[in-house]
Amino acid sequence: MEQDWKDKLGKAFSVSPDSQNEPEHHEQEQTPSIPANKQTLYVELDKKGRKGKSATLITGFEGTDDELKELARMLKTQCGVGGSTRDGEILIQGNFRDKIMGILKEQGFKVKRIGG
């Protein structure tokens, strides 16, 4: 009688706890976050590659991706618009430079405006 395909698969890829081929799990080392008052964020208005539509770009954030996403989420809800995070930058749809600068200053960040 022919073996079940699951039995064959079990022999090809061992599922036993004694298996020697288990990947090693390395815990990610958490880098200590830099406090907000020690960071300088740059806020600029960007229109390049957006068919003339403006977007507010926040750069210079130093921290984990989760902290960046949390900051972006807070800014998007405060402004009531969409946005995204990519490569350590936060992009907020629309021209909200002044409002974002005020929010970031309240959070304790040093903020500099780029451009006019």
PDB file of N, CA and C in Angstrom:
ATOM      1  N   MET A   1       0.841  -1.175   0.000  1.00  0.00           N
ATOM      2  CA  MET A   1       0.000   0.000   0.000  1.00  0.00           C
ATOM      3  C   MET A   1       0.884   1.237   0.000  1.00  0.00           C
ATOM      4  N   GLU A   2       0.505   2.226  -0.768  1.00  0.00           N
ATOM      5  CA  GLU A   2       1.283   3.456  -0.901  1.00  0.00           C
ATOM      6  C   GLU A   2       1.121   4.326   0.342  1.00  0.00           C
ATOM      7  N   GLN A   3       2.217   4.997   0.740  1.00  0.00           N
ATOM      8  CA  GLN A   3       2.161   5.843   1.923  1.00  0.00           C
ATOM      9  C   GLN A   3       1.414   7.135   1.637  1.00  0.00           C
ATOM     10  N   ASP A   4       0.879   7.685   2.671  1.00  0.00           N
ATOM     11  CA  ASP A   4       0.189   8.965   2.579  1.00  0.00           C
ATOM     12  C   ASP A   4       1.212  10.055   2.281  1.00  0.00           C
ATOM     13  N   TRP A   5       0.853  11.075   1.537  1.00  0.00           N
ATOM     14  CA  TRP A   5       1.804  12.139   1.183  1.00  0.00           C
ATOM     15  C   TRP A   5       2.284  12.903   2.413  1.00  0.00           C
ATOM     16  N   LYS A   6       1.485  12.965   3.462  1.00  0.00           N
ATOM     17  CA  LYS A   6       1.904  13.640   4.691  1.00  0.00           C
ATOM     18  C   LYS A   6       3.027  12.870   5.385  1.00  0.00           C
ATOM     19  N   ASP A   7       2.971  11.538   5.291  1.00  0.00           N
ATOM     20  CA  ASP A   7       4.044  10.733   5.870  1.00  0.00           C
ATOM     21  C   ASP A   7       5.348  10.986   5.128  1.00  0.00           C
ATOM     22  N   LYS A   8       5.263  11.063   3.807  1.00  0.00           N
ATOM     23  CA  LYS A   8       6.457  11.335   3.006  1.00  0.00           C
ATOM     24  C   LYS A   8       7.009  12.721   3.313  1.00  0.00           C
ATOM     25  N   LEU A   9       6.125  13.674   3.469  1.00  0.00           N
ATOM     26  CA  LEU A   9       6.549  15.029   3.771  1.00  0.00           C
ATOM     27  C   LEU A   9       7.214  15.099   5.135  1.00  0.00           C
ATOM     28  N   GLY A  10       6.676  14.341   6.097  1.00  0.00           N
ATOM     29  CA  GLY A  10       7.259  14.301   7.434  1.00  0.00           C
ATOM     30  C   GLY A  10       8.669  13.744   7.434  1.00  0.00           C
ATOM     31  N   LYS A  11       8.949  12.806   6.531  1.00  0.00           N
ATOM     32  CA  LYS A  11      10.296  12.243   6.442  1.00  0.00           C
ATOM     33  C   LYS A  11      11.243  13.217   5.753  1.00  0.00           C
ATOM     34  N   ALA A  12      10.740  13.947   4.770  1.00  0.00           N
ATOM     35  CA  ALA A  12      11.591  14.894   4.042  1.00  0.00           C
ATOM     36  C   ALA A  12      11.920  16.115   4.896  1.00  0.00           C
ATOM     37  N   PHE A  13      10.942  16.587   5.638  1.00  0.00           N
ATOM     38  CA  PHE A  13      11.125  17.745   6.500  1.00  0.00           C
ATOM     39  C   PHE A  13      10.760  17.332   7.915  1.00  0.00           C
ATOM     40  N   SER A  14      11.741  17.105   8.717  1.00  0.00           N
ATOM     41  CA  SER A  14      11.505  16.608  10.060  1.00  0.00           C
ATOM     42  C   SER A  14      10.728  17.629  10.884  1.00  0.00           C
ATOM     43  N   VAL A  15       9.697  17.170  11.531  1.00  0.00           N
ATOM     44  CA  VAL A  15       8.899  18.025  12.398  1.00  0.00           C
ATOM     45  C   VAL A  15       9.077  17.658  13.861  1.00  0.00           C
ATOM     46  N   SER A  16      10.009  16.768  14.129  1.00  0.00           N
ATOM     47  CA  SER A  16      10.220  16.341  15.502  1.00  0.00           C
ATOM     48  C   SER A  16      10.987  17.404  16.274  1.00  0.00           C
ATOM     49  N   PRO A  17      10.775  17.482  17.589  1.00  0.00           N
ATOM     50  CA  PRO A  17      11.485  18.484  18.391  1.00  0.00           C
ATOM     51  C   PRO A  17      12.980  18.201  18.498  1.00  0.00           C
ATOM     52  N   ASP A  18      13.411  16.989  18.126  1.00  0.00           N
ATOM     53  CA  ASP A  18      14.822  16.638  18.198  1.00  0.00           C
ATOM     54  C   ASP A  18      15.597  17.096  16.965  1.00  0.00           C
ATOM     55  N   SER A  19      14.928  17.720  16.041  1.00  0.00           N
ATOM     56  CA  SER A  19      15.529  18.091  14.764  1.00  0.00           C
ATOM     57  C   SER A  19      16.747  18.989  14.957  1.00  0.00           C
ATOM     58  N   GLN A  20      17.780  18.716  14.193  1.00  0.00           N
ATOM     59  CA  GLN A  20      19.019  19.491  14.272  1.00  0.00           C
ATOM     60  C   GLN A  20      18.974  20.717  13.372  1.00  0.00           C
ATOM     61  N   ASN A  21      18.021  20.787  12.482  1.00  0.00           N
ATOM     62  CA  ASN A  21      17.978  21.862  11.494  1.00  0.00           C
ATOM     63  C   ASN A  21      17.095  23.030  11.897  1.00  0.00           C
ATOM     64  N   GLU A  22      16.811  23.176  13.171  1.00  0.00           N
ATOM     65  CA  GLU A  22      15.971  24.280  13.608  1.00  0.00           C
ATOM     66  C   GLU A  22      16.751  25.580  13.514  1.00  0.00           C
ATOM     67  N   PRO A  23      16.119  26.630  13.005  1.00  0.00           N
ATOM     68  CA  PRO A  23      16.816  27.912  12.934  1.00  0.00           C
ATOM     69  C   PRO A  23      17.024  28.477  14.333  1.00  0.00           C
ATOM     70  N   GLU A  24      18.143  29.120  14.511  1.00  0.00           N
ATOM     71  CA  GLU A  24      18.420  29.727  15.803  1.00  0.00           C
ATOM     72  C   GLU A  24      17.651  31.036  15.913  1.00  0.00           C
ATOM     73  N   HIS A  25      17.078  31.256  17.055  1.00  0.00           N
ATOM     74  CA  HIS A  25      16.312  32.475  17.279  1.00  0.00           C
ATOM     75  C   HIS A  25      17.183  33.470  18.024  1.00  0.00           C
ATOM     76  N   HIS A  26      17.491  34.556  17.357  1.00  0.00           N
ATOM     77  CA  HIS A  26      18.263  35.612  17.990  1.00  0.00           C
ATOM     78  C   HIS A  26      17.299  36.710  18.400  1.00  0.00           C
ATOM     79  N   GLU A  27      17.376  37.098  19.642  1.00  0.00           N
ATOM     80  CA  GLU A  27      16.523  38.183  20.089  1.00  0.00           C
ATOM     81  C   GLU A  27      17.074  39.488  19.533  1.00  0.00           C
ATOM     82  N   GLN A  28      16.178  40.306  19.044  1.00  0.00           N
ATOM     83  CA  GLN A  28      16.605  41.594  18.514  1.00  0.00           C
ATOM     84  C   GLN A  28      17.022  42.484  19.667  1.00  0.00           C
ATOM     85  N   GLU A  29      18.186  43.056  19.513  1.00  0.00           N
ATOM     86  CA  GLU A  29      18.660  43.954  20.544  1.00  0.00           C
ATOM     87  C   GLU A  29      17.974  45.296  20.366  1.00  0.00           C
ATOM     88  N   GLN A  30      17.355  45.762  21.408  1.00  0.00           N
ATOM     89  CA  GLN A  30      16.666  47.043  21.368  1.00  0.00           C
ATOM     90  C   GLN A  30      17.681  48.153  21.620  1.00  0.00           C
ATOM     91  N   THR A  31      17.813  49.047  20.663  1.00  0.00           N
ATOM     92  CA  THR A  31      18.684  50.187  20.872  1.00  0.00           C
ATOM     93  C   THR A  31      17.931  51.192  21.713  1.00  0.00           C
ATOM     94  N   PRO A  32      18.595  51.795  22.666  1.00  0.00           N
ATOM     95  CA  PRO A  32      17.889  52.759  23.497  1.00  0.00           C
ATOM     96  C   PRO A  32      17.427  53.943  22.643  1.00  0.00           C
ATOM     97  N   SER A  33      16.191  54.343  22.844  1.00  0.00           N
ATOM     98  CA  SER A  33      15.624  55.440  22.073  1.00  0.00           C
ATOM     99  C   SER A  33      16.221  56.757  22.527  1.00  0.00           C
ATOM    100  N   ILE A  34      16.416  57.630  21.567  1.00  0.00           N
ATOM    101  CA  ILE A  34      16.903  58.967  21.872  1.00  0.00           C
ATOM    102  C   ILE A  34      15.710  59.789  22.326  1.00  0.00           C
ATOM    103  N   PRO A  35      15.811  60.494  23.445  1.00  0.00           N
ATOM    104  CA  PRO A  35      14.683  61.288  23.926  1.00  0.00           C
ATOM    105  C   PRO A  35      14.290  62.367  22.906  1.00  0.00           C
ATOM    106  N   ALA A  36      13.027  62.752  22.941  1.00  0.00           N
ATOM    107  CA  ALA A  36      12.500  63.719  21.983  1.00  0.00           C
ATOM    108  C   ALA A  36      13.252  65.049  22.053  1.00  0.00           C
ATOM    109  N   ASN A  37      13.659  65.480  23.243  1.00  0.00           N
ATOM    110  CA  ASN A  37      14.304  66.782  23.357  1.00  0.00           C
ATOM    111  C   ASN A  37      15.732  66.772  22.818  1.00  0.00           C
ATOM    112  N   LYS A  38      16.264  65.602  22.480  1.00  0.00           N
ATOM    113  CA  LYS A  38      17.605  65.501  21.909  1.00  0.00           C
ATOM    114  C   LYS A  38      17.569  65.330  20.392  1.00  0.00           C
ATOM    115  N   GLN A  39      16.366  65.252  19.813  1.00  0.00           N
ATOM    116  CA  GLN A  39      16.237  65.027  18.372  1.00  0.00           C
ATOM    117  C   GLN A  39      15.804  66.310  17.667  1.00  0.00           C
ATOM    118  N   THR A  40      16.347  66.501  16.469  1.00  0.00           N
ATOM    119  CA  THR A  40      15.937  67.613  15.622  1.00  0.00           C
ATOM    120  C   THR A  40      15.248  67.037  14.398  1.00  0.00           C
ATOM    121  N   LEU A  41      13.992  67.401  14.208  1.00  0.00           N
ATOM    122  CA  LEU A  41      13.222  66.945  13.055  1.00  0.00           C
ATOM    123  C   LEU A  41      13.121  68.076  12.051  1.00  0.00           C
ATOM    124  N   TYR A  42      13.172  67.725  10.784  1.00  0.00           N
ATOM    125  CA  TYR A  42      13.093  68.704   9.703  1.00  0.00           C
ATOM    126  C   TYR A  42      11.763  68.536   8.983  1.00  0.00           C
ATOM    127  N   VAL A  43      11.038  69.650   8.817  1.00  0.00           N
ATOM    128  CA  VAL A  43       9.719  69.628   8.193  1.00  0.00           C
ATOM    129  C   VAL A  43       9.795  70.427   6.907  1.00  0.00           C
ATOM    130  N   GLU A  44       9.363  69.826   5.802  1.00  0.00           N
ATOM    131  CA  GLU A  44       9.400  70.518   4.517  1.00  0.00           C
ATOM    132  C   GLU A  44       8.166  70.185   3.690  1.00  0.00           C
ATOM    133  N   LEU A  45       7.876  71.054   2.745  1.00  0.00           N
ATOM    134  CA  LEU A  45       6.782  70.846   1.812  1.00  0.00           C
ATOM    135  C   LEU A  45       7.366  70.248   0.544  1.00  0.00           C
ATOM    136  N   ASP A  46       6.777  69.184   0.060  1.00  0.00           N
ATOM    137  CA  ASP A  46       7.309  68.475  -1.104  1.00  0.00           C
ATOM    138  C   ASP A  46       6.208  68.313  -2.146  1.00  0.00           C
ATOM    139  N   LYS A  47       6.522  68.612  -3.410  1.00  0.00           N
ATOM    140  CA  LYS A  47       5.569  68.443  -4.503  1.00  0.00           C
ATOM    141  C   LYS A  47       6.124  67.560  -5.617  1.00  0.00           C
ATOM    142  N   LYS A  48       7.366  67.150  -5.497  1.00  0.00           N
ATOM    143  CA  LYS A  48       8.013  66.402  -6.580  1.00  0.00           C
ATOM    144  C   LYS A  48       7.407  65.009  -6.716  1.00  0.00           C
ATOM    145  N   GLY A  49       7.076  64.639  -7.943  1.00  0.00           N
ATOM    146  CA  GLY A  49       6.565  63.307  -8.217  1.00  0.00           C
ATOM    147  C   GLY A  49       5.159  63.048  -7.724  1.00  0.00           C
ATOM    148  N   ARG A  50       4.416  64.116  -7.431  1.00  0.00           N
ATOM    149  CA  ARG A  50       3.060  63.946  -6.913  1.00  0.00           C
ATOM    150  C   ARG A  50       2.017  64.655  -7.780  1.00  0.00           C
ATOM    151  N   LYS A  51       2.368  64.933  -9.014  1.00  0.00           N
ATOM    152  CA  LYS A  51       1.465  65.586  -9.965  1.00  0.00           C
ATOM    153  C   LYS A  51       0.933  66.909  -9.429  1.00  0.00           C
ATOM    154  N   GLY A  52       1.808  67.679  -8.785  1.00  0.00           N
ATOM    155  CA  GLY A  52       1.440  68.991  -8.288  1.00  0.00           C
ATOM    156  C   GLY A  52       0.798  69.014  -6.924  1.00  0.00           C
ATOM    157  N   LYS A  53       0.471  67.855  -6.378  1.00  0.00           N
ATOM    158  CA  LYS A  53      -0.146  67.812  -5.050  1.00  0.00           C
ATOM    159  C   LYS A  53       0.938  67.940  -3.992  1.00  0.00           C
ATOM    160  N   SER A  54       0.641  68.664  -2.946  1.00  0.00           N
ATOM    161  CA  SER A  54       1.647  68.895  -1.915  1.00  0.00           C
ATOM    162  C   SER A  54       1.570  67.836  -0.822  1.00  0.00           C
ATOM    163  N   ALA A  55       2.717  67.608  -0.198  1.00  0.00           N
ATOM    164  CA  ALA A  55       2.807  66.681   0.922  1.00  0.00           C
ATOM    165  C   ALA A  55       3.832  67.240   1.899  1.00  0.00           C
ATOM    166  N   THR A  56       3.592  67.060   3.169  1.00  0.00           N
ATOM    167  CA  THR A  56       4.513  67.499   4.209  1.00  0.00           C
ATOM    168  C   THR A  56       5.414  66.324   4.559  1.00  0.00           C
ATOM    169  N   LEU A  57       6.719  66.566   4.528  1.00  0.00           N
ATOM    170  CA  LEU A  57       7.704  65.523   4.754  1.00  0.00           C
ATOM    171  C   LEU A  57       8.467  65.819   6.036  1.00  0.00           C
ATOM    172  N   ILE A  58       8.521  64.843   6.942  1.00  0.00           N
ATOM    173  CA  ILE A  58       9.232  64.989   8.212  1.00  0.00           C
ATOM    174  C   ILE A  58      10.408  64.019   8.195  1.00  0.00           C
ATOM    175  N   THR A  59      11.621  64.535   8.328  1.00  0.00           N
ATOM    176  CA  THR A  59      12.819  63.708   8.310  1.00  0.00           C
ATOM    177  C   THR A  59      13.644  63.955   9.569  1.00  0.00           C
ATOM    178  N   GLY A  60      14.634  63.097   9.783  1.00  0.00           N
ATOM    179  CA  GLY A  60      15.554  63.277  10.896  1.00  0.00           C
ATOM    180  C   GLY A  60      15.177  62.508  12.145  1.00  0.00           C
ATOM    181  N   PHE A  61      14.147  61.681  12.089  1.00  0.00           N
ATOM    182  CA  PHE A  61      13.731  60.925  13.271  1.00  0.00           C
ATOM    183  C   PHE A  61      14.710  59.788  13.522  1.00  0.00           C
ATOM    184  N   GLU A  62      15.151  59.650  14.760  1.00  0.00           N
ATOM    185  CA  GLU A  62      16.047  58.562  15.147  1.00  0.00           C
ATOM    186  C   GLU A  62      15.348  57.720  16.196  1.00  0.00           C
ATOM    187  N   GLY A  63      15.043  56.511  15.825  1.00  0.00           N
ATOM    188  CA  GLY A  63      14.346  55.598  16.733  1.00  0.00           C
ATOM    189  C   GLY A  63      13.942  54.356  15.975  1.00  0.00           C
ATOM    190  N   THR A  64      13.159  53.507  16.618  1.00  0.00           N
ATOM    191  CA  THR A  64      12.730  52.266  15.985  1.00  0.00           C
ATOM    192  C   THR A  64      11.608  52.541  14.988  1.00  0.00           C
ATOM    193  N   ASP A  65      11.373  51.552  14.129  1.00  0.00           N
ATOM    194  CA  ASP A  65      10.290  51.681  13.150  1.00  0.00           C
ATOM    195  C   ASP A  65       8.932  51.778  13.835  1.00  0.00           C
ATOM    196  N   ASP A  66       8.777  51.071  14.944  1.00  0.00           N
ATOM    197  CA  ASP A  66       7.503  51.133  15.668  1.00  0.00           C
ATOM    198  C   ASP A  66       7.262  52.535  16.229  1.00  0.00           C
ATOM    199  N   GLU A  67       8.302  53.166  16.751  1.00  0.00           N
ATOM    200  CA  GLU A  67       8.158  54.530  17.273  1.00  0.00           C
ATOM    201  C   GLU A  67       7.855  55.508  16.139  1.00  0.00           C
ATOM    202  N   LEU A  68       8.489  55.301  14.979  1.00  0.00           N
ATOM    203  CA  LEU A  68       8.231  56.147  13.815  1.00  0.00           C
ATOM    204  C   LEU A  68       6.780  56.011  13.363  1.00  0.00           C
ATOM    205  N   LYS A  69       6.286  54.780  13.314  1.00  0.00           N
ATOM    206  CA  LYS A  69       4.901  54.547  12.901  1.00  0.00           C
ATOM    207  C   LYS A  69       3.921  55.147  13.904  1.00  0.00           C
ATOM    208  N   GLU A  70       4.253  55.052  15.178  1.00  0.00           N
ATOM    209  CA  GLU A  70       3.380  55.625  16.211  1.00  0.00           C
ATOM    210  C   GLU A  70       3.323  57.147  16.092  1.00  0.00           C
ATOM    211  N   LEU A  71       4.475  57.782  15.852  1.00  0.00           N
ATOM    212  CA  LEU A  71       4.513  59.234  15.669  1.00  0.00           C
ATOM    213  C   LEU A  71       3.724  59.629  14.422  1.00  0.00           C
ATOM    214  N   ALA A  72       3.882  58.869  13.337  1.00  0.00           N
ATOM    215  CA  ALA A  72       3.142  59.152  12.104  1.00  0.00           C
ATOM    216  C   ALA A  72       1.643  59.003  12.324  1.00  0.00           C
ATOM    217  N   ARG A  73       1.242  57.983  13.057  1.00  0.00           N
ATOM    218  CA  ARG A  73      -0.182  57.758  13.333  1.00  0.00           C
ATOM    219  C   ARG A  73      -0.760  58.943  14.107  1.00  0.00           C
ATOM    220  N   MET A  74      -0.004  59.420  15.096  1.00  0.00           N
ATOM    221  CA  MET A  74      -0.472  60.539  15.898  1.00  0.00           C
ATOM    222  C   MET A  74      -0.599  61.804  15.042  1.00  0.00           C
ATOM    223  N   LEU A  75       0.386  62.059  14.174  1.00  0.00           N
ATOM    224  CA  LEU A  75       0.337  63.248  13.319  1.00  0.00           C
ATOM    225  C   LEU A  75      -0.824  63.163  12.323  1.00  0.00           C
ATOM    226  N   LYS A  76      -1.048  61.994  11.754  1.00  0.00           N
ATOM    227  CA  LYS A  76      -2.140  61.833  10.793  1.00  0.00           C
ATOM    228  C   LYS A  76      -3.495  62.056  11.449  1.00  0.00           C
ATOM    229  N   THR A  77      -3.674  61.561  12.661  1.00  0.00           N
ATOM    230  CA  THR A  77      -4.962  61.756  13.328  1.00  0.00           C
ATOM    231  C   THR A  77      -5.149  63.214  13.751  1.00  0.00           C
ATOM    232  N   GLN A  78      -4.082  63.875  14.186  1.00  0.00           N
ATOM    233  CA  GLN A  78      -4.179  65.286  14.569  1.00  0.00           C
ATOM    234  C   GLN A  78      -4.534  66.162  13.371  1.00  0.00           C
ATOM    235  N   CYS A  79      -3.989  65.813  12.192  1.00  0.00           N
ATOM    236  CA  CYS A  79      -4.256  66.608  10.985  1.00  0.00           C
ATOM    237  C   CYS A  79      -5.500  66.129  10.243  1.00  0.00           C
ATOM    238  N   GLY A  80      -5.952  64.924  10.522  1.00  0.00           N
ATOM    239  CA  GLY A  80      -7.140  64.395   9.867  1.00  0.00           C
ATOM    240  C   GLY A  80      -6.920  64.029   8.418  1.00  0.00           C
ATOM    241  N   VAL A  81      -5.714  63.584   8.088  1.00  0.00           N
ATOM    242  CA  VAL A  81      -5.382  63.227   6.706  1.00  0.00           C
ATOM    243  C   VAL A  81      -4.626  61.900   6.690  1.00  0.00           C
ATOM    244  N   GLY A  82      -4.314  61.437   5.495  1.00  0.00           N
ATOM    245  CA  GLY A  82      -3.541  60.211   5.329  1.00  0.00           C
ATOM    246  C   GLY A  82      -2.061  60.502   5.253  1.00  0.00           C
ATOM    247  N   GLY A  83      -1.302  59.439   5.154  1.00  0.00           N
ATOM    248  CA  GLY A  83       0.137  59.571   5.052  1.00  0.00           C
ATOM    249  C   GLY A  83       0.792  58.213   5.114  1.00  0.00           C
ATOM    250  N   SER A  84       2.124  58.225   5.179  1.00  0.00           N
ATOM    251  CA  SER A  84       2.858  56.965   5.228  1.00  0.00           C
ATOM    252  C   SER A  84       4.215  57.171   5.877  1.00  0.00           C
ATOM    253  N   THR A  85       4.883  56.053   6.168  1.00  0.00           N
ATOM    254  CA  THR A  85       6.252  56.090   6.667  1.00  0.00           C
ATOM    255  C   THR A  85       7.095  55.229   5.744  1.00  0.00           C
ATOM    256  N   ARG A  86       8.295  55.727   5.436  1.00  0.00           N
ATOM    257  CA  ARG A  86       9.181  54.973   4.569  1.00  0.00           C
ATOM    258  C   ARG A  86      10.602  55.470   4.771  1.00  0.00           C
ATOM    259  N   ASP A  87      11.536  54.563   4.968  1.00  0.00           N
ATOM    260  CA  ASP A  87      12.961  54.883   5.081  1.00  0.00           C
ATOM    261  C   ASP A  87      13.242  55.953   6.132  1.00  0.00           C
ATOM    262  N   GLY A  88      12.580  55.877   7.260  1.00  0.00           N
ATOM    263  CA  GLY A  88      12.830  56.830   8.337  1.00  0.00           C
ATOM    264  C   GLY A  88      12.193  58.188   8.121  1.00  0.00           C
ATOM    265  N   GLU A  89      11.298  58.308   7.148  1.00  0.00           N
ATOM    266  CA  GLU A  89      10.616  59.569   6.862  1.00  0.00           C
ATOM    267  C   GLU A  89       9.117  59.395   7.069  1.00  0.00           C
ATOM    268  N   ILE A  90       8.479  60.485   7.438  1.00  0.00           N
ATOM    269  CA  ILE A  90       7.021  60.499   7.574  1.00  0.00           C
ATOM    270  C   ILE A  90       6.481  61.428   6.505  1.00  0.00           C
ATOM    271  N   LEU A  91       5.520  60.956   5.738  1.00  0.00           N
ATOM    272  CA  LEU A  91       4.891  61.750   4.701  1.00  0.00           C
ATOM    273  C   LEU A  91       3.430  61.956   5.082  1.00  0.00           C
ATOM    274  N   ILE A  92       3.030  63.223   5.188  1.00  0.00           N
ATOM    275  CA  ILE A  92       1.649  63.581   5.510  1.00  0.00           C
ATOM    276  C   ILE A  92       1.064  64.275   4.293  1.00  0.00           C
ATOM    277  N   GLN A  93      -0.100  63.830   3.845  1.00  0.00           N
ATOM    278  CA  GLN A  93      -0.721  64.401   2.657  1.00  0.00           C
ATOM    279  C   GLN A  93      -1.217  65.808   2.944  1.00  0.00           C
ATOM    280  N   GLY A  94      -0.841  66.748   2.082  1.00  0.00           N
ATOM    281  CA  GLY A  94      -1.292  68.125   2.213  1.00  0.00           C
ATOM    282  C   GLY A  94      -0.242  69.024   2.849  1.00  0.00           C
ATOM    283  N   ASN A  95      -0.547  70.315   2.873  1.00  0.00           N
ATOM    284  CA  ASN A  95       0.363  71.308   3.434  1.00  0.00           C
ATOM    285  C   ASN A  95      -0.021  71.568   4.888  1.00  0.00           C
ATOM    286  N   PHE A  96       0.639  70.879   5.806  1.00  0.00           N
ATOM    287  CA  PHE A  96       0.371  71.008   7.236  1.00  0.00           C
ATOM    288  C   PHE A  96       1.645  71.343   8.005  1.00  0.00           C
ATOM    289  N   ARG A  97       2.555  72.069   7.360  1.00  0.00           N
ATOM    290  CA  ARG A  97       3.846  72.355   8.002  1.00  0.00           C
ATOM    291  C   ARG A  97       3.689  73.050   9.346  1.00  0.00           C
ATOM    292  N   ASP A  98       2.934  74.129   9.390  1.00  0.00           N
ATOM    293  CA  ASP A  98       2.815  74.904  10.622  1.00  0.00           C
ATOM    294  C   ASP A  98       2.150  74.090  11.737  1.00  0.00           C
ATOM    295  N   LYS A  99       1.090  73.380  11.401  1.00  0.00           N
ATOM    296  CA  LYS A  99       0.384  72.583  12.394  1.00  0.00           C
ATOM    297  C   LYS A  99       1.275  71.457  12.924  1.00  0.00           C
ATOM    298  N   ILE A 100       1.989  70.792  12.032  1.00  0.00           N
ATOM    299  CA  ILE A 100       2.869  69.696  12.430  1.00  0.00           C
ATOM    300  C   ILE A 100       4.025  70.213  13.274  1.00  0.00           C
ATOM    301  N   MET A 101       4.561  71.361  12.913  1.00  0.00           N
ATOM    302  CA  MET A 101       5.654  71.934  13.706  1.00  0.00           C
ATOM    303  C   MET A 101       5.184  72.221  15.133  1.00  0.00           C
ATOM    304  N   GLY A 102       3.969  72.736  15.280  1.00  0.00           N
ATOM    305  CA  GLY A 102       3.419  72.997  16.606  1.00  0.00           C
ATOM    306  C   GLY A 102       3.222  71.720  17.408  1.00  0.00           C
ATOM    307  N   ILE A 103       2.701  70.678  16.750  1.00  0.00           N
ATOM    308  CA  ILE A 103       2.467  69.401  17.425  1.00  0.00           C
ATOM    309  C   ILE A 103       3.789  68.789  17.880  1.00  0.00           C
ATOM    310  N   LEU A 104       4.791  68.828  17.001  1.00  0.00           N
ATOM    311  CA  LEU A 104       6.082  68.229  17.347  1.00  0.00           C
ATOM    312  C   LEU A 104       6.766  68.994  18.474  1.00  0.00           C
ATOM    313  N   LYS A 105       6.615  70.315  18.492  1.00  0.00           N
ATOM    314  CA  LYS A 105       7.195  71.108  19.584  1.00  0.00           C
ATOM    315  C   LYS A 105       6.517  70.767  20.910  1.00  0.00           C
ATOM    316  N   GLU A 106       5.209  70.541  20.889  1.00  0.00           N
ATOM    317  CA  GLU A 106       4.491  70.132  22.099  1.00  0.00           C
ATOM    318  C   GLU A 106       4.990  68.779  22.604  1.00  0.00           C
ATOM    319  N   GLN A 107       5.396  67.905  21.681  1.00  0.00           N
ATOM    320  CA  GLN A 107       5.906  66.586  22.047  1.00  0.00           C
ATOM    321  C   GLN A 107       7.346  66.657  22.579  1.00  0.00           C
ATOM    322  N   GLY A 108       7.992  67.828  22.429  1.00  0.00           N
ATOM    323  CA  GLY A 108       9.337  67.996  22.956  1.00  0.00           C
ATOM    324  C   GLY A 108      10.443  67.927  21.934  1.00  0.00           C
ATOM    325  N   PHE A 109      10.105  67.777  20.648  1.00  0.00           N
ATOM    326  CA  PHE A 109      11.107  67.716  19.601  1.00  0.00           C
ATOM    327  C   PHE A 109      11.613  69.112  19.252  1.00  0.00           C
ATOM    328  N   LYS A 110      12.862  69.192  18.790  1.00  0.00           N
ATOM    329  CA  LYS A 110      13.371  70.403  18.183  1.00  0.00           C
ATOM    330  C   LYS A 110      12.983  70.333  16.719  1.00  0.00           C
ATOM    331  N   VAL A 111      12.411  71.395  16.201  1.00  0.00           N
ATOM    332  CA  VAL A 111      11.872  71.361  14.844  1.00  0.00           C
ATOM    333  C   VAL A 111      12.476  72.467  14.024  1.00  0.00           C
ATOM    334  N   LYS A 112      12.913  72.131  12.790  1.00  0.00           N
ATOM    335  CA  LYS A 112      13.429  73.129  11.865  1.00  0.00           C
ATOM    336  C   LYS A 112      12.645  73.013  10.562  1.00  0.00           C
ATOM    337  N   ARG A 113      12.363  74.167   9.989  1.00  0.00           N
ATOM    338  CA  ARG A 113      11.609  74.224   8.741  1.00  0.00           C
ATOM    339  C   ARG A 113      12.589  74.292   7.576  1.00  0.00           C
ATOM    340  N   ILE A 114      12.370  73.482   6.560  1.00  0.00           N
ATOM    341  CA  ILE A 114      13.189  73.503   5.365  1.00  0.00           C
ATOM    342  C   ILE A 114      12.355  74.128   4.260  1.00  0.00           C
ATOM    343  N   GLY A 115      12.922  75.088   3.549  1.00  0.00           N
ATOM    344  CA  GLY A 115      12.219  75.726   2.452  1.00  0.00           C
ATOM    345  C   GLY A 115      11.473  76.971   2.925  1.00  0.00           C
ATOM    346  N   GLY A 116      10.718  77.556   2.020  1.00  0.00           N
ATOM    347  CA  GLY A 116      10.035  78.824   2.270  1.00  0.00           C
ATOM    348  C   GLY A 116       8.875  78.784   3.079  1.00  0.00           C
TER     349      GLY A 116
END
